[in-house]
């Protein structure tokens, strides 16, 4: 199968355009009232872009270390009296 450079460039531009549109929509939508629609947009992006897409990879290796979540073991439920 022969890959044409113009077609490859078109596909790349189209994917990046879709990613820009979806990111713009996600910024404008409320994360509390439009959760279902935001999830559908994220699923569309996940299904349309390959897993090794550069936009989804942390190339610089920078992590947000100030955001910490402490996990505590759940207390065991008390047995119900009979």
N, C-alpha and C. Protein backbone atom coordinates (compact mmCIF):
# COMPACT_ATOMS: atom_id res chain seq x y z
N UNK A 1 0.85 -1.18 0.00
CA UNK A 1 0.00 0.00 0.00
C UNK A 1 0.89 1.24 0.00
N UNK A 2 0.62 2.14 -0.89
CA UNK A 2 1.40 3.36 -1.03
C UNK A 2 0.72 4.47 -0.22
N UNK A 3 1.50 5.14 0.59
CA UNK A 3 0.98 6.25 1.40
C UNK A 3 1.38 7.54 0.71
N UNK A 4 0.41 8.34 0.38
CA UNK A 4 0.68 9.60 -0.27
C UNK A 4 0.97 10.67 0.78
N UNK A 5 2.03 11.48 0.60
CA UNK A 5 2.38 12.50 1.58
C UNK A 5 1.26 13.51 1.82
N UNK A 6 0.54 13.89 0.76
CA UNK A 6 -0.53 14.87 0.93
C UNK A 6 -1.66 14.30 1.77
N UNK A 7 -1.99 13.04 1.55
CA UNK A 7 -3.06 12.42 2.33
C UNK A 7 -2.65 12.28 3.79
N UNK A 8 -1.41 11.90 4.03
CA UNK A 8 -0.91 11.77 5.40
C UNK A 8 -0.96 13.11 6.12
N UNK A 9 -0.58 14.18 5.44
CA UNK A 9 -0.63 15.51 6.02
C UNK A 9 -2.06 15.92 6.32
N UNK A 10 -3.00 15.57 5.42
CA UNK A 10 -4.41 15.89 5.62
C UNK A 10 -4.95 15.18 6.86
N UNK A 11 -4.62 13.91 7.02
CA UNK A 11 -5.10 13.14 8.17
C UNK A 11 -4.53 13.73 9.45
N UNK A 12 -3.25 14.10 9.45
CA UNK A 12 -2.63 14.69 10.64
C UNK A 12 -3.29 16.01 10.99
N UNK A 13 -3.52 16.86 10.01
CA UNK A 13 -4.16 18.15 10.26
C UNK A 13 -5.59 17.97 10.75
N UNK A 14 -6.29 17.00 10.19
CA UNK A 14 -7.67 16.75 10.60
C UNK A 14 -7.73 16.29 12.05
N UNK A 15 -6.82 15.40 12.42
CA UNK A 15 -6.81 14.91 13.80
C UNK A 15 -6.47 16.03 14.77
N UNK A 16 -5.51 16.87 14.42
CA UNK A 16 -5.15 17.97 15.30
C UNK A 16 -6.29 18.99 15.39
N UNK A 17 -7.00 19.21 14.28
CA UNK A 17 -8.15 20.10 14.31
C UNK A 17 -9.25 19.56 15.21
N UNK A 18 -9.50 18.25 15.13
CA UNK A 18 -10.49 17.63 16.01
C UNK A 18 -10.07 17.75 17.46
N UNK A 19 -8.80 17.56 17.74
CA UNK A 19 -8.31 17.68 19.11
C UNK A 19 -8.47 19.10 19.63
N UNK A 20 -8.19 20.10 18.81
CA UNK A 20 -8.37 21.49 19.22
C UNK A 20 -9.82 21.82 19.51
N UNK A 21 -10.71 21.36 18.64
CA UNK A 21 -12.14 21.62 18.84
C UNK A 21 -12.63 20.97 20.13
N UNK A 22 -12.24 19.73 20.35
CA UNK A 22 -12.67 19.02 21.56
C UNK A 22 -12.12 19.67 22.82
N UNK A 23 -10.86 20.09 22.79
CA UNK A 23 -10.28 20.77 23.96
C UNK A 23 -10.98 22.09 24.23
N UNK A 24 -11.33 22.81 23.17
CA UNK A 24 -12.05 24.08 23.33
C UNK A 24 -13.42 23.84 23.94
N UNK A 25 -14.11 22.81 23.47
CA UNK A 25 -15.42 22.48 24.04
C UNK A 25 -15.30 22.09 25.51
N UNK A 26 -14.31 21.29 25.83
CA UNK A 26 -14.14 20.85 27.22
C UNK A 26 -13.83 22.02 28.15
N UNK A 27 -13.11 23.02 27.66
CA UNK A 27 -12.82 24.20 28.48
C UNK A 27 -14.08 25.01 28.74
N UNK A 28 -14.97 25.08 27.74
CA UNK A 28 -16.17 25.91 27.86
C UNK A 28 -17.29 25.24 28.64
N UNK A 29 -17.33 23.92 28.64
CA UNK A 29 -18.41 23.21 29.32
C UNK A 29 -18.17 23.12 30.81
N UNK A 30 -19.25 23.12 31.56
CA UNK A 30 -19.16 22.96 33.00
C UNK A 30 -18.90 21.50 33.32
N UNK A 31 -17.95 21.25 34.18
CA UNK A 31 -17.60 19.87 34.52
C UNK A 31 -18.60 19.27 35.51
N UNK A 32 -19.44 20.10 36.11
CA UNK A 32 -20.42 19.59 37.07
C UNK A 32 -21.80 19.36 36.45
N UNK A 33 -22.19 20.19 35.49
CA UNK A 33 -23.52 20.03 34.90
C UNK A 33 -23.49 19.28 33.57
N UNK A 34 -22.39 19.27 32.87
CA UNK A 34 -22.29 18.62 31.57
C UNK A 34 -21.37 17.41 31.61
N UNK A 35 -21.44 16.63 32.67
CA UNK A 35 -20.49 15.53 32.83
C UNK A 35 -20.65 14.46 31.75
N UNK A 36 -21.88 14.14 31.39
CA UNK A 36 -22.10 13.09 30.38
C UNK A 36 -21.56 13.52 29.02
N UNK A 37 -21.82 14.76 28.64
CA UNK A 37 -21.35 15.26 27.35
C UNK A 37 -19.83 15.36 27.33
N UNK A 38 -19.22 15.81 28.44
CA UNK A 38 -17.75 15.86 28.53
C UNK A 38 -17.16 14.46 28.38
N UNK A 39 -17.80 13.48 28.99
CA UNK A 39 -17.33 12.10 28.86
C UNK A 39 -17.42 11.60 27.43
N UNK A 40 -18.50 11.98 26.73
CA UNK A 40 -18.63 11.57 25.33
C UNK A 40 -17.55 12.21 24.46
N UNK A 41 -17.22 13.46 24.75
CA UNK A 41 -16.15 14.14 23.99
C UNK A 41 -14.82 13.44 24.24
N UNK A 42 -14.54 13.11 25.50
CA UNK A 42 -13.28 12.43 25.83
C UNK A 42 -13.21 11.05 25.17
N UNK A 43 -14.33 10.34 25.11
CA UNK A 43 -14.34 9.04 24.45
C UNK A 43 -14.11 9.18 22.95
N UNK A 44 -14.66 10.23 22.34
CA UNK A 44 -14.44 10.48 20.92
C UNK A 44 -12.95 10.72 20.64
N UNK A 45 -12.32 11.52 21.49
CA UNK A 45 -10.89 11.80 21.31
C UNK A 45 -10.07 10.51 21.50
N UNK A 46 -10.43 9.73 22.53
CA UNK A 46 -9.69 8.50 22.81
C UNK A 46 -9.81 7.49 21.68
N UNK A 47 -10.98 7.44 21.04
CA UNK A 47 -11.17 6.47 19.96
C UNK A 47 -10.61 6.94 18.62
N UNK A 48 -10.49 8.26 18.45
CA UNK A 48 -10.06 8.75 17.15
C UNK A 48 -8.55 8.94 17.04
N UNK A 49 -7.86 9.09 18.16
CA UNK A 49 -6.41 9.27 18.12
C UNK A 49 -5.71 7.99 18.56
N UNK A 50 -4.56 7.68 17.97
CA UNK A 50 -3.84 6.48 18.40
C UNK A 50 -3.26 6.66 19.80
N UNK A 51 -2.99 5.56 20.46
CA UNK A 51 -2.54 5.61 21.85
C UNK A 51 -1.16 6.26 21.98
N UNK A 52 -0.35 6.21 20.93
CA UNK A 52 0.99 6.79 21.00
C UNK A 52 1.04 8.19 20.40
N UNK A 53 -0.11 8.86 20.31
CA UNK A 53 -0.16 10.23 19.80
C UNK A 53 0.66 11.15 20.71
N UNK A 54 1.43 12.02 20.12
CA UNK A 54 2.32 12.90 20.88
C UNK A 54 1.56 13.81 21.84
N UNK A 55 0.34 14.22 21.49
CA UNK A 55 -0.42 15.12 22.34
C UNK A 55 -0.87 14.45 23.64
N UNK A 56 -0.90 13.13 23.67
CA UNK A 56 -1.33 12.43 24.87
C UNK A 56 -0.18 11.89 25.71
N UNK A 57 1.04 12.19 25.34
CA UNK A 57 2.21 11.67 26.05
C UNK A 57 2.89 12.82 26.80
N UNK A 58 3.32 12.55 28.01
CA UNK A 58 4.05 13.54 28.80
C UNK A 58 5.51 13.52 28.35
N UNK A 59 5.80 14.29 27.29
CA UNK A 59 7.12 14.26 26.66
C UNK A 59 8.19 14.82 27.60
N UNK A 60 7.87 15.91 28.29
CA UNK A 60 8.86 16.55 29.16
C UNK A 60 9.05 15.82 30.48
N UNK A 61 8.11 14.97 30.85
CA UNK A 61 8.23 14.22 32.10
C UNK A 61 7.93 15.04 33.33
N UNK A 62 7.16 16.12 33.21
CA UNK A 62 6.83 16.97 34.34
C UNK A 62 5.54 16.46 34.98
N UNK A 63 5.56 16.25 36.29
CA UNK A 63 4.40 15.77 37.02
C UNK A 63 3.99 16.80 38.06
N UNK A 64 2.70 16.86 38.36
CA UNK A 64 2.19 17.75 39.39
C UNK A 64 2.30 17.03 40.73
N UNK A 65 3.37 17.29 41.45
CA UNK A 65 3.61 16.62 42.71
C UNK A 65 2.94 17.31 43.89
N UNK A 66 2.42 18.54 43.68
CA UNK A 66 1.76 19.25 44.77
C UNK A 66 0.36 18.71 45.03
N UNK A 67 -0.23 18.03 44.05
CA UNK A 67 -1.56 17.46 44.22
C UNK A 67 -1.41 16.06 44.77
N UNK A 68 -1.75 15.87 46.03
CA UNK A 68 -1.60 14.57 46.66
C UNK A 68 -2.96 14.10 47.16
N UNK A 69 -3.21 12.83 46.99
CA UNK A 69 -4.45 12.23 47.46
C UNK A 69 -4.06 11.14 48.45
N UNK A 70 -4.51 11.31 49.69
CA UNK A 70 -4.24 10.32 50.72
C UNK A 70 -5.34 9.27 50.71
N UNK A 71 -4.95 8.03 50.63
CA UNK A 71 -5.91 6.94 50.62
C UNK A 71 -5.92 6.28 51.98
N UNK A 72 -7.09 6.16 52.53
CA UNK A 72 -7.26 5.52 53.83
C UNK A 72 -8.04 4.23 53.63
N UNK A 73 -7.72 3.26 54.44
CA UNK A 73 -8.45 2.00 54.36
C UNK A 73 -9.88 2.23 54.85
N UNK A 74 -10.83 1.62 54.15
CA UNK A 74 -12.23 1.76 54.56
C UNK A 74 -12.45 0.98 55.85
N UNK A 75 -13.22 1.55 56.77
CA UNK A 75 -13.50 0.79 58.00
C UNK A 75 -14.38 -0.40 57.68
N UNK A 76 -14.16 -1.49 58.39
CA UNK A 76 -14.95 -2.70 58.16
C UNK A 76 -16.36 -2.47 58.67
N UNK A 77 -17.35 -2.89 57.89
CA UNK A 77 -18.72 -2.70 58.35
C UNK A 77 -19.02 -3.58 59.56
N UNK A 78 -19.82 -3.04 60.47
CA UNK A 78 -20.20 -3.80 61.66
C UNK A 78 -21.23 -4.85 61.28
N UNK A 79 -21.14 -6.02 61.87
CA UNK A 79 -22.13 -7.06 61.55
C UNK A 79 -23.51 -6.64 62.05
N UNK A 80 -24.52 -6.97 61.28
CA UNK A 80 -25.90 -6.63 61.66
C UNK A 80 -26.39 -7.58 62.74
N UNK A 81 -27.01 -7.01 63.76
CA UNK A 81 -27.54 -7.91 64.81
C UNK A 81 -28.75 -8.69 64.29
N UNK A 82 -28.88 -9.92 64.75
CA UNK A 82 -29.98 -10.77 64.28
C UNK A 82 -31.13 -10.75 65.24
